[in-house]
Each structure stands twice: as structure tokens, then as C-alpha cells.
């Protein structure tokens, strides 16, 4: 049996993620920031699509935490 690998370039849809985060209330932002041990400003930047790193998405662990907290499907934000 031969295994074949394919490299796929996935893109993160930061605009859609920001759009969903903008629906959070300020209380939700504060609670999520506390639960994830990040600053409120970090979540505010993600809500505006402004990331402080060279990547156009938050760290994967933070992204997955927010998806869990907001009942979002992480698969919705990645495209080929």
C-alpha cells in the first residue's frame, strides 16, 4: 500500500471571524478574555481584524476557545 500526500494551502477567513466576534456584547468580551487569559484589547483587535502578529488570525488555541465559547464551527473559517 502506498500513501500519497497532498499539500493544500488553506486560507483563514478573518473577515467572517471578525464579523461573528462583532456580535459579542462587551460583557461577553470581558468574560471570554478572562476565561482565555488574554486582554480585552486582544479580542477587540480580533473583532476588527487587526492582528498583532504577522498572521491574519489569532493563535489556534485562542481561536478554538472562542469557537467553543460562541458555539461556532471552526471549519467555517478555513477555505482552500
Protein backbone atom coordinates (compact mmCIF):
# COMPACT_ATOMS: atom_id res chain seq x y z
CA UNK A 1 0.00 0.00 0.00
CA UNK A 2 1.35 3.42 -0.97
CA UNK A 3 0.47 6.59 0.87
CA UNK A 4 0.17 9.76 -1.18
CA UNK A 5 0.34 13.17 0.42
CA UNK A 6 -1.13 16.37 -0.90
CA UNK A 7 -0.22 19.81 0.33
CA UNK A 8 -3.21 22.16 0.44
CA UNK A 9 -2.94 25.88 1.09
CA UNK A 10 -5.74 26.73 3.49
CA UNK A 11 -6.75 30.35 3.99
CA UNK A 12 -8.30 31.73 7.15
CA UNK A 13 -11.37 33.91 6.57
CA UNK A 14 -10.53 36.61 9.11
CA UNK A 15 -13.36 38.84 7.86
CA UNK A 16 -16.00 36.24 8.65
CA UNK A 17 -14.43 35.52 12.03
CA UNK A 18 -14.37 39.25 12.86
CA UNK A 19 -18.00 39.56 11.74
CA UNK A 20 -19.05 36.82 14.17
CA UNK A 21 -17.00 38.30 17.01
CA UNK A 22 -18.64 41.69 16.49
CA UNK A 23 -21.90 40.12 17.65
CA UNK A 24 -20.41 39.67 21.13
CA UNK A 25 -21.58 42.03 23.85
CA UNK A 26 -18.98 43.87 25.92
CA UNK A 27 -19.79 41.57 28.84
CA UNK A 28 -19.13 38.56 26.59
CA UNK A 29 -15.81 40.05 25.51
CA UNK A 30 -14.75 40.58 29.12
CA UNK A 31 -15.82 37.07 30.15
CA UNK A 32 -14.08 35.45 27.17
CA UNK A 33 -10.90 37.43 27.79
CA UNK A 34 -10.84 36.31 31.40
CA UNK A 35 -11.51 32.67 30.54
CA UNK A 36 -8.80 32.63 27.85
CA UNK A 37 -6.32 34.70 29.87
CA UNK A 38 -5.96 37.32 27.14
CA UNK A 39 -6.62 41.04 27.27
CA UNK A 40 -9.95 42.57 26.32
CA UNK A 41 -7.99 44.58 23.74
CA UNK A 42 -6.80 41.38 22.07
CA UNK A 43 -10.37 40.29 21.45
CA UNK A 44 -11.26 43.81 20.33
CA UNK A 45 -8.43 43.64 17.76
CA UNK A 46 -9.69 40.27 16.50
CA UNK A 47 -13.18 41.80 16.21
CA UNK A 48 -11.76 44.49 13.93
CA UNK A 49 -9.49 42.10 12.02
CA UNK A 50 -6.39 43.80 13.43
CA UNK A 51 -3.85 41.17 14.48
CA UNK A 52 -0.64 41.99 16.33
CA UNK A 53 1.40 39.28 14.60
CA UNK A 54 2.35 38.51 11.02
CA UNK A 55 -0.58 36.09 10.81
CA UNK A 56 -4.13 37.12 9.94
CA UNK A 57 -5.65 35.01 12.70
CA UNK A 58 -5.35 34.54 16.46
CA UNK A 59 -3.37 31.66 17.93
CA UNK A 60 -5.10 28.39 17.17
CA UNK A 61 -5.76 27.64 20.84
CA UNK A 62 -7.44 31.05 21.30
CA UNK A 63 -9.38 30.62 18.09
CA UNK A 64 -10.68 27.21 19.21
CA UNK A 65 -11.56 28.54 22.68
CA UNK A 66 -13.63 31.33 21.14
CA UNK A 67 -15.32 28.88 18.78
CA UNK A 68 -16.25 26.73 21.77
CA UNK A 69 -17.46 29.68 23.83
CA UNK A 70 -19.56 31.11 20.99
CA UNK A 71 -20.73 27.75 19.60
CA UNK A 72 -19.03 28.40 16.24
CA UNK A 73 -17.78 25.72 13.87
CA UNK A 74 -14.03 26.23 13.25
CA UNK A 75 -14.35 24.63 9.80
CA UNK A 76 -16.43 27.60 8.64
CA UNK A 77 -13.37 29.87 8.69
CA UNK A 78 -10.97 27.89 6.51
CA UNK A 79 -11.11 27.70 2.72
CA UNK A 80 -8.88 26.24 0.02
